[in-house]
Amino acid sequence: MIHLDKGFSRGNGMIEFLVALLVNYLIIINIYYQLSERGIIWPGYFGLLFRPN
């Protein structure tokens, strides 16, 4: 029972980690999308390329 409880809690921690990682990824994509809409950076390559002068 003790080992099962530890494994279950470890599994929940992994699920919470994946959910937090997904939320952070969506927030970063949203920021890059807003910057590309304003013409600050190109929308391509996930917005990592800055618009040339």
PDB file of N, CA and C in Angstrom:
ATOM      1  N   MET A   1       0.837  -1.208   0.000  1.00  0.00           N
ATOM      2  CA  MET A   1       0.000   0.000   0.000  1.00  0.00           C
ATOM      3  C   MET A   1       0.873   1.260   0.000  1.00  0.00           C
ATOM      4  N   ILE A   2       1.967   1.195   0.763  1.00  0.00           N
ATOM      5  CA  ILE A   2       2.816   2.382   0.853  1.00  0.00           C
ATOM      6  C   ILE A   2       3.453   2.666  -0.509  1.00  0.00           C
ATOM      7  N   HIS A   3       3.933   1.621  -1.186  1.00  0.00           N
ATOM      8  CA  HIS A   3       4.560   1.832  -2.495  1.00  0.00           C
ATOM      9  C   HIS A   3       3.535   2.312  -3.513  1.00  0.00           C
ATOM     10  N   LEU A   4       2.322   1.783  -3.443  1.00  0.00           N
ATOM     11  CA  LEU A   4       1.285   2.215  -4.372  1.00  0.00           C
ATOM     12  C   LEU A   4       0.940   3.684  -4.144  1.00  0.00           C
ATOM     13  N   ASP A   5       0.896   4.100  -2.875  1.00  0.00           N
ATOM     14  CA  ASP A   5       0.592   5.500  -2.585  1.00  0.00           C
ATOM     15  C   ASP A   5       1.689   6.418  -3.120  1.00  0.00           C
ATOM     16  N   LYS A   6       2.945   6.002  -2.949  1.00  0.00           N
ATOM     17  CA  LYS A   6       4.047   6.832  -3.450  1.00  0.00           C
ATOM     18  C   LYS A   6       3.991   6.918  -4.980  1.00  0.00           C
ATOM     19  N   GLY A   7       3.742   5.795  -5.648  1.00  0.00           N
ATOM     20  CA  GLY A   7       3.656   5.812  -7.097  1.00  0.00           C
ATOM     21  C   GLY A   7       2.485   6.654  -7.577  1.00  0.00           C
ATOM     22  N   PHE A   8       1.365   6.583  -6.855  1.00  0.00           N
ATOM     23  CA  PHE A   8       0.187   7.370  -7.262  1.00  0.00           C
ATOM     24  C   PHE A   8       0.456   8.858  -7.119  1.00  0.00           C
ATOM     25  N   SER A   9       1.106   9.242  -6.012  1.00  0.00           N
ATOM     26  CA  SER A   9       1.399  10.659  -5.802  1.00  0.00           C
ATOM     27  C   SER A   9       2.429  11.135  -6.825  1.00  0.00           C
ATOM     28  N   ARG A  10       3.374  10.282  -7.172  1.00  0.00           N
ATOM     29  CA  ARG A  10       4.374  10.660  -8.178  1.00  0.00           C
ATOM     30  C   ARG A  10       3.698  10.838  -9.535  1.00  0.00           C
ATOM     31  N   GLY A  11       2.714   9.980  -9.827  1.00  0.00           N
ATOM     32  CA  GLY A  11       1.982  10.111 -11.086  1.00  0.00           C
ATOM     33  C   GLY A  11       1.189  11.402 -11.134  1.00  0.00           C
ATOM     34  N   ASN A  12       0.580  11.769 -10.023  1.00  0.00           N
ATOM     35  CA  ASN A  12      -0.177  13.021  -9.994  1.00  0.00           C
ATOM     36  C   ASN A  12       0.750  14.209 -10.182  1.00  0.00           C
ATOM     37  N   GLY A  13       1.944  14.152  -9.606  1.00  0.00           N
ATOM     38  CA  GLY A  13       2.899  15.239  -9.777  1.00  0.00           C
ATOM     39  C   GLY A  13       3.305  15.383 -11.240  1.00  0.00           C
ATOM     40  N   MET A  14       3.471  14.257 -11.938  1.00  0.00           N
ATOM     41  CA  MET A  14       3.826  14.304 -13.355  1.00  0.00           C
ATOM     42  C   MET A  14       2.700  14.906 -14.178  1.00  0.00           C
ATOM     43  N   ILE A  15       1.454  14.547 -13.835  1.00  0.00           N
ATOM     44  CA  ILE A  15       0.310  15.101 -14.570  1.00  0.00           C
ATOM     45  C   ILE A  15       0.224  16.613 -14.343  1.00  0.00           C
ATOM     46  N   GLU A  16       0.411  17.043 -13.097  1.00  0.00           N
ATOM     47  CA  GLU A  16       0.378  18.478 -12.808  1.00  0.00           C
ATOM     48  C   GLU A  16       1.509  19.194 -13.534  1.00  0.00           C
ATOM     49  N   PHE A  17       2.674  18.552 -13.630  1.00  0.00           N
ATOM     50  CA  PHE A  17       3.808  19.158 -14.331  1.00  0.00           C
ATOM     51  C   PHE A  17       3.495  19.322 -15.816  1.00  0.00           C
ATOM     52  N   LEU A  18       2.883  18.295 -16.425  1.00  0.00           N
ATOM     53  CA  LEU A  18       2.547  18.369 -17.845  1.00  0.00           C
ATOM     54  C   LEU A  18       1.486  19.436 -18.099  1.00  0.00           C
ATOM     55  N   VAL A  19       0.509  19.540 -17.200  1.00  0.00           N
ATOM     56  CA  VAL A  19      -0.528  20.561 -17.359  1.00  0.00           C
ATOM     57  C   VAL A  19       0.079  21.959 -17.255  1.00  0.00           C
ATOM     58  N   ALA A  20       0.972  22.156 -16.270  1.00  0.00           N
ATOM     59  CA  ALA A  20       1.618  23.459 -16.108  1.00  0.00           C
ATOM     60  C   ALA A  20       2.485  23.781 -17.326  1.00  0.00           C
ATOM     61  N   LEU A  21       3.163  22.768 -17.875  1.00  0.00           N
ATOM     62  CA  LEU A  21       4.001  22.988 -19.045  1.00  0.00           C
ATOM     63  C   LEU A  21       3.145  23.371 -20.249  1.00  0.00           C
ATOM     64  N   LEU A  22       1.986  22.729 -20.395  1.00  0.00           N
ATOM     65  CA  LEU A  22       1.082  23.044 -21.501  1.00  0.00           C
ATOM     66  C   LEU A  22       0.542  24.459 -21.368  1.00  0.00           C
ATOM     67  N   VAL A  23       0.182  24.858 -20.146  1.00  0.00           N
ATOM     68  CA  VAL A  23      -0.334  26.214 -19.927  1.00  0.00           C
ATOM     69  C   VAL A  23       0.725  27.250 -20.251  1.00  0.00           C
ATOM     70  N   ASN A  24       1.960  27.016 -19.799  1.00  0.00           N
ATOM     71  CA  ASN A  24       3.057  27.953 -20.096  1.00  0.00           C
ATOM     72  C   ASN A  24       3.311  28.026 -21.599  1.00  0.00           C
ATOM     73  N   TYR A  25       3.214  26.885 -22.305  1.00  0.00           N
ATOM     74  CA  TYR A  25       3.428  26.867 -23.754  1.00  0.00           C
ATOM     75  C   TYR A  25       2.358  27.686 -24.454  1.00  0.00           C
ATOM     76  N   LEU A  26       1.107  27.546 -24.008  1.00  0.00           N
ATOM     77  CA  LEU A  26       0.016  28.297 -24.634  1.00  0.00           C
ATOM     78  C   LEU A  26       0.168  29.794 -24.380  1.00  0.00           C
ATOM     79  N   ILE A  27       0.636  30.157 -23.179  1.00  0.00           N
ATOM     80  CA  ILE A  27       0.832  31.576 -22.863  1.00  0.00           C
ATOM     81  C   ILE A  27       1.930  32.166 -23.747  1.00  0.00           C
ATOM     82  N   ILE A  28       3.028  31.414 -23.938  1.00  0.00           N
ATOM     83  CA  ILE A  28       4.131  31.901 -24.781  1.00  0.00           C
ATOM     84  C   ILE A  28       3.670  32.047 -26.229  1.00  0.00           C
ATOM     85  N   ILE A  29       2.908  31.070 -26.732  1.00  0.00           N
ATOM     86  CA  ILE A  29       2.394  31.151 -28.101  1.00  0.00           C
ATOM     87  C   ILE A  29       1.463  32.350 -28.240  1.00  0.00           C
ATOM     88  N   ASN A  30       0.651  32.632 -27.210  1.00  0.00           N
ATOM     89  CA  ASN A  30      -0.250  33.778 -27.254  1.00  0.00           C
ATOM     90  C   ASN A  30       0.530  35.076 -27.306  1.00  0.00           C
ATOM     91  N   ILE A  31       1.616  35.173 -26.534  1.00  0.00           N
ATOM     92  CA  ILE A  31       2.441  36.389 -26.539  1.00  0.00           C
ATOM     93  C   ILE A  31       3.085  36.582 -27.912  1.00  0.00           C
ATOM     94  N   TYR A  32       3.641  35.494 -28.476  1.00  0.00           N
ATOM     95  CA  TYR A  32       4.256  35.601 -29.802  1.00  0.00           C
ATOM     96  C   TYR A  32       3.216  35.959 -30.864  1.00  0.00           C
ATOM     97  N   TYR A  33       1.983  35.454 -30.729  1.00  0.00           N
ATOM     98  CA  TYR A  33       0.929  35.769 -31.702  1.00  0.00           C
ATOM     99  C   TYR A  33       0.568  37.246 -31.632  1.00  0.00           C
ATOM    100  N   GLN A  34       0.454  37.783 -30.402  1.00  0.00           N
ATOM    101  CA  GLN A  34       0.131  39.203 -30.259  1.00  0.00           C
ATOM    102  C   GLN A  34       1.251  40.077 -30.818  1.00  0.00           C
ATOM    103  N   LEU A  35       2.507  39.692 -30.598  1.00  0.00           N
ATOM    104  CA  LEU A  35       3.633  40.466 -31.126  1.00  0.00           C
ATOM    105  C   LEU A  35       3.646  40.423 -32.652  1.00  0.00           C
ATOM    106  N   SER A  36       3.327  39.262 -33.237  1.00  0.00           N
ATOM    107  CA  SER A  36       3.322  39.161 -34.690  1.00  0.00           C
ATOM    108  C   SER A  36       2.156  39.944 -35.279  1.00  0.00           C
ATOM    109  N   GLU A  37       1.027  40.011 -34.560  1.00  0.00           N
ATOM    110  CA  GLU A  37      -0.110  40.795 -35.039  1.00  0.00           C
ATOM    111  C   GLU A  37       0.230  42.277 -35.058  1.00  0.00           C
ATOM    112  N   ARG A  38       1.043  42.721 -34.116  1.00  0.00           N
ATOM    113  CA  ARG A  38       1.447  44.130 -34.065  1.00  0.00           C
ATOM    114  C   ARG A  38       2.572  44.433 -35.044  1.00  0.00           C
ATOM    115  N   GLY A  39       3.103  43.411 -35.727  1.00  0.00           N
ATOM    116  CA  GLY A  39       4.155  43.631 -36.699  1.00  0.00           C
ATOM    117  C   GLY A  39       5.534  43.747 -36.075  1.00  0.00           C
ATOM    118  N   ILE A  40       5.665  43.343 -34.807  1.00  0.00           N
ATOM    119  CA  ILE A  40       6.978  43.436 -34.155  1.00  0.00           C
ATOM    120  C   ILE A  40       7.878  42.301 -34.636  1.00  0.00           C
ATOM    121  N   ILE A  41       7.320  41.093 -34.704  1.00  0.00           N
ATOM    122  CA  ILE A  41       8.094  39.946 -35.155  1.00  0.00           C
ATOM    123  C   ILE A  41       7.276  39.157 -36.165  1.00  0.00           C
ATOM    124  N   TRP A  42       7.964  38.381 -36.980  1.00  0.00           N
ATOM    125  CA  TRP A  42       7.290  37.551 -37.968  1.00  0.00           C
ATOM    126  C   TRP A  42       6.528  36.433 -37.268  1.00  0.00           C
ATOM    127  N   PRO A  43       5.369  36.044 -37.785  1.00  0.00           N
ATOM    128  CA  PRO A  43       4.611  34.949 -37.190  1.00  0.00           C
ATOM    129  C   PRO A  43       5.252  33.586 -37.425  1.00  0.00           C
ATOM    130  N   GLY A  44       6.159  33.498 -38.398  1.00  0.00           N
ATOM    131  CA  GLY A  44       6.789  32.218 -38.712  1.00  0.00           C
ATOM    132  C   GLY A  44       7.787  31.772 -37.664  1.00  0.00           C
ATOM    133  N   TYR A  45       8.107  30.483 -37.679  1.00  0.00           N
ATOM    134  CA  TYR A  45       9.045  29.877 -36.728  1.00  0.00           C
ATOM    135  C   TYR A  45       8.666  30.209 -35.293  1.00  0.00           C
ATOM    136  N   PHE A  46       7.340  30.120 -34.979  1.00  0.00           N
ATOM    137  CA  PHE A  46       6.815  30.395 -33.637  1.00  0.00           C
ATOM    138  C   PHE A  46       7.187  31.790 -33.162  1.00  0.00           C
ATOM    139  N   GLY A  47       7.387  32.711 -34.098  1.00  0.00           N
ATOM    140  CA  GLY A  47       7.648  34.098 -33.724  1.00  0.00           C
ATOM    141  C   GLY A  47       9.041  34.341 -33.198  1.00  0.00           C
ATOM    142  N   LEU A  48       9.972  33.422 -33.441  1.00  0.00           N
ATOM    143  CA  LEU A  48      11.319  33.595 -32.893  1.00  0.00           C
ATOM    144  C   LEU A  48      12.180  34.494 -33.771  1.00  0.00           C
ATOM    145  N   LEU A  49      11.773  34.686 -35.031  1.00  0.00           N
ATOM    146  CA  LEU A  49      12.577  35.526 -35.922  1.00  0.00           C
ATOM    147  C   LEU A  49      12.054  36.960 -35.886  1.00  0.00           C
ATOM    148  N   PHE A  50      12.941  37.891 -35.585  1.00  0.00           N
ATOM    149  CA  PHE A  50      12.537  39.286 -35.553  1.00  0.00           C
ATOM    150  C   PHE A  50      12.388  39.822 -36.976  1.00  0.00           C
ATOM    151  N   ARG A  51      11.460  40.754 -37.141  1.00  0.00           N
ATOM    152  CA  ARG A  51      11.244  41.339 -38.468  1.00  0.00           C
ATOM    153  C   ARG A  51      12.445  42.199 -38.853  1.00  0.00           C
ATOM    154  N   PRO A  52      13.023  41.967 -40.016  1.00  0.00           N
ATOM    155  CA  PRO A  52      14.187  42.769 -40.431  1.00  0.00           C
ATOM    156  C   PRO A  52      13.799  44.210 -40.723  1.00  0.00           C
ATOM    157  N   ASN A  53      14.739  45.109 -40.570  1.00  0.00           N
ATOM    158  CA  ASN A  53      14.467  46.530 -40.798  1.00  0.00           C
ATOM    159  C   ASN A  53      14.383  46.827 -42.290  1.00  0.00           C
TER     160      ASN A  53
END
